[in-house]
Amino acid sequence: MTTLPDPAELLPQMASALAHHLKTSHIDAPRFVGIRTGGVWVAQALLEALGSREPLGVLDVSFYRDDFTQSGLHPQVRPSALPFDIDGQHLVLIDDVLMTGRTVRAALNELFDYGRPASVTLVCLLDLDARELPIRPDVVGQTLSLAPDERVKLHGPAPLALERQVLAS
């Protein structure tokens, strides 16, 4: 069984990798957007590690999920909030756990409803390497392979902690 990493150990390395990625991509004024809920927590921690006071956009992609009709409306759906215009901006989209890619696809669909960004950099705390869509993070804390009946949940906002969950059969 793979041991789950400590997010506090991954975040400094991720902040460094993100700073390097932005520098080599010639992006000097990115706008940060976290996917609710865990992605927002990771984004807040990354902004702190980067020493940035940039405003943080928040996406709730519930209405953009392609499995919305199957799973129904989550009782805690809240509106998205983007405190900046995204047209022509370089966005850093942050999520906690990348698994199938469907949450990121939903986030991209929602972002493009707000406008047309110049670029989108994807940052994920964990990549579970179980992709159903061709979506890959530009910056990732760690890649893990889990059993088909396992998932990972992020608890937070502070301290951030990862929990392994086994689906009921």
Protein backbone atom coordinates (compact mmCIF):
# COMPACT_ATOMS: atom_id res chain seq x y z
CA MET A 1 0.00 0.00 0.00
CA THR A 2 1.36 3.39 -1.02
CA THR A 3 1.90 5.85 1.83
CA LEU A 4 0.17 9.18 1.31
CA PRO A 5 2.48 12.18 1.33
CA ASP A 6 2.25 15.10 3.75
CA PRO A 7 0.93 18.14 1.82
CA ALA A 8 3.16 20.42 3.94
CA GLU A 9 6.18 18.65 2.42
CA LEU A 10 4.85 18.85 -1.16
CA LEU A 11 3.85 22.54 -1.18
CA PRO A 12 7.34 24.15 -1.05
CA GLN A 13 8.50 21.94 -3.95
CA MET A 14 5.32 22.76 -5.87
CA ALA A 15 5.76 26.50 -5.27
CA SER A 16 9.32 26.28 -6.58
CA ALA A 17 8.25 24.24 -9.63
CA LEU A 18 5.40 26.67 -10.35
CA ALA A 19 7.70 29.70 -10.08
CA HIS A 20 10.11 28.00 -12.50
CA HIS A 21 7.30 27.09 -14.91
CA LEU A 22 5.94 30.64 -14.92
CA LYS A 23 9.41 32.12 -15.43
CA THR A 24 10.29 29.81 -18.34
CA SER A 25 6.85 30.46 -19.87
CA HIS A 26 7.46 34.23 -19.56
CA ILE A 27 4.37 34.69 -17.39
CA ASP A 28 4.94 37.51 -14.92
CA ALA A 29 1.41 38.37 -13.77
CA PRO A 30 -0.62 35.16 -13.43
CA ARG A 31 -4.13 35.06 -12.01
CA PHE A 32 -4.81 32.22 -9.59
CA VAL A 33 -8.03 30.19 -9.59
CA GLY A 34 -8.79 27.36 -7.16
CA ILE A 35 -11.40 24.66 -7.73
CA ARG A 36 -13.66 24.44 -4.69
CA THR A 37 -13.01 23.06 -2.10
CA GLY A 38 -9.63 21.34 -1.92
CA GLY A 39 -8.18 23.26 -4.86
CA VAL A 40 -8.93 26.53 -3.06
CA TRP A 41 -7.08 25.29 0.03
CA VAL A 42 -4.07 24.23 -2.06
CA ALA A 43 -4.16 27.55 -3.93
CA GLN A 44 -4.16 29.51 -0.67
CA ALA A 45 -1.18 27.52 0.61
CA LEU A 46 0.69 27.99 -2.70
CA LEU A 47 0.06 31.74 -2.74
CA GLU A 48 1.40 31.90 0.81
CA ALA A 49 4.48 29.82 -0.14
CA LEU A 50 5.07 32.11 -3.13
CA GLY A 51 4.70 35.20 -0.94
CA SER A 52 1.93 36.44 -3.24
CA ARG A 53 -0.95 38.68 -2.27
CA GLU A 54 -2.75 38.22 -5.60
CA PRO A 55 -6.53 37.80 -5.36
CA LEU A 56 -7.74 34.22 -5.64
CA GLY A 57 -10.57 33.23 -7.94
CA VAL A 58 -12.83 30.39 -6.82
CA LEU A 59 -14.68 27.99 -9.12
CA ASP A 60 -17.51 25.70 -8.10
CA VAL A 61 -17.81 23.42 -11.13
CA SER A 62 -20.86 21.48 -9.92
CA PHE A 63 -23.12 22.71 -12.76
CA TYR A 64 -20.42 21.97 -15.35
CA ARG A 65 -19.84 18.33 -14.39
CA ASP A 66 -20.72 15.82 -17.10
CA ASP A 67 -22.05 13.49 -14.39
CA PHE A 68 -24.43 16.11 -12.96
CA THR A 69 -27.54 14.24 -14.08
CA GLN A 70 -26.24 11.01 -12.49
CA SER A 71 -25.15 12.40 -9.15
CA GLY A 72 -27.62 15.28 -8.74
CA LEU A 73 -26.96 18.63 -7.14
CA HIS A 74 -24.57 18.61 -4.21
CA PRO A 75 -26.26 20.34 -1.26
CA GLN A 76 -23.35 22.75 -0.74
CA VAL A 77 -23.07 24.22 -4.25
CA ARG A 78 -21.98 27.85 -4.05
CA PRO A 79 -21.41 30.38 -6.80
CA SER A 80 -18.03 30.83 -8.40
CA ALA A 81 -16.19 34.10 -7.76
CA LEU A 82 -13.59 35.53 -10.13
CA PRO A 83 -12.43 38.92 -8.77
CA PHE A 84 -10.70 39.77 -12.05
CA ASP A 85 -11.36 39.73 -15.78
CA ILE A 86 -9.88 36.60 -17.38
CA ASP A 87 -9.79 37.77 -21.02
CA GLY A 88 -6.17 37.67 -22.14
CA GLN A 89 -4.93 36.68 -18.68
CA HIS A 90 -2.54 33.86 -17.84
CA LEU A 91 -4.41 31.68 -15.36
CA VAL A 92 -3.05 29.17 -12.86
CA LEU A 93 -5.84 26.63 -12.25
CA ILE A 94 -5.35 24.69 -9.02
CA ASP A 95 -7.01 21.46 -7.88
CA ASP A 96 -6.23 19.08 -5.05
CA VAL A 97 -6.53 15.62 -6.63
CA LEU A 98 -6.47 14.90 -10.37
CA MET A 99 -8.02 11.54 -11.14
CA THR A 100 -10.16 11.20 -14.27
CA GLY A 101 -9.71 14.76 -15.53
CA ARG A 102 -13.46 15.46 -15.52
CA THR A 103 -13.31 18.13 -12.80
CA VAL A 104 -10.59 19.99 -14.71
CA ARG A 105 -12.59 19.72 -17.94
CA ALA A 106 -15.60 21.18 -16.12
CA ALA A 107 -13.42 24.01 -14.74
CA LEU A 108 -12.08 24.83 -18.21
CA ASN A 109 -15.62 24.92 -19.60
CA GLU A 110 -16.68 27.33 -16.87
CA LEU A 111 -13.60 29.54 -17.29
CA PHE A 112 -14.28 29.91 -21.01
CA ASP A 113 -17.83 31.01 -20.18
CA TYR A 114 -16.21 33.96 -18.37
CA GLY A 115 -13.87 34.83 -21.25
CA ARG A 116 -10.83 33.73 -23.20
CA PRO A 117 -7.64 33.43 -21.15
CA ALA A 118 -4.23 33.73 -22.81
CA SER A 119 -3.17 30.45 -21.17
CA VAL A 120 -4.08 28.05 -18.39
CA THR A 121 -1.44 26.34 -16.26
CA LEU A 122 -2.75 23.33 -14.32
CA VAL A 123 -1.40 22.66 -10.82
CA CYS A 124 -2.48 19.63 -8.75
CA LEU A 125 -1.38 18.45 -5.33
CA LEU A 126 -1.82 14.79 -6.35
CA ASP A 127 -2.16 13.03 -9.70
CA LEU A 128 -3.76 9.61 -9.25
CA ASP A 129 -2.83 8.61 -12.80
CA ALA A 130 -6.33 7.29 -13.58
CA ARG A 131 -7.12 9.55 -16.52
CA GLU A 132 -10.25 9.24 -18.64
CA LEU A 133 -9.52 12.50 -20.49
CA PRO A 134 -6.23 13.78 -21.98
CA ILE A 135 -5.52 16.24 -19.18
CA ARG A 136 -2.12 16.46 -17.45
CA PRO A 137 -0.88 18.86 -14.77
CA ASP A 138 1.96 21.28 -15.54
CA VAL A 139 2.98 21.19 -11.88
CA VAL A 140 2.19 18.29 -9.54
CA GLY A 141 3.13 17.52 -5.95
CA GLN A 142 3.20 13.75 -6.40
CA THR A 143 1.82 11.04 -8.70
CA LEU A 144 0.28 7.98 -7.07
CA SER A 145 -1.32 4.79 -8.33
CA LEU A 146 -4.15 3.48 -6.20
CA ALA A 147 -6.27 0.34 -6.29
CA PRO A 148 -9.49 0.75 -8.32
CA ASP A 149 -11.58 0.90 -5.13
CA GLU A 150 -9.40 3.56 -3.46
CA ARG A 151 -9.73 7.34 -3.43
CA VAL A 152 -7.90 10.18 -1.71
CA LYS A 153 -9.61 13.02 0.15
CA LEU A 154 -7.97 16.27 1.20
CA HIS A 155 -8.92 17.72 4.60
CA GLY A 156 -8.26 21.33 5.46
CA PRO A 157 -7.92 24.20 5.19
CA ALA A 158 -5.20 24.19 7.83
CA PRO A 159 -3.41 21.98 8.30
CA LEU A 160 -3.88 20.17 5.00
CA ALA A 161 -4.02 16.39 5.40
CA LEU A 162 -4.65 13.53 2.97
CA GLU A 163 -6.85 10.55 3.79
CA ARG A 164 -7.10 7.27 1.87
CA GLN A 165 -10.67 6.04 1.41
CA VAL A 166 -11.90 2.65 0.26
CA LEU A 167 -15.16 2.64 -1.68
CA ALA A 168 -17.91 0.39 -0.43
CA SER A 169 -18.46 -2.59 -2.70
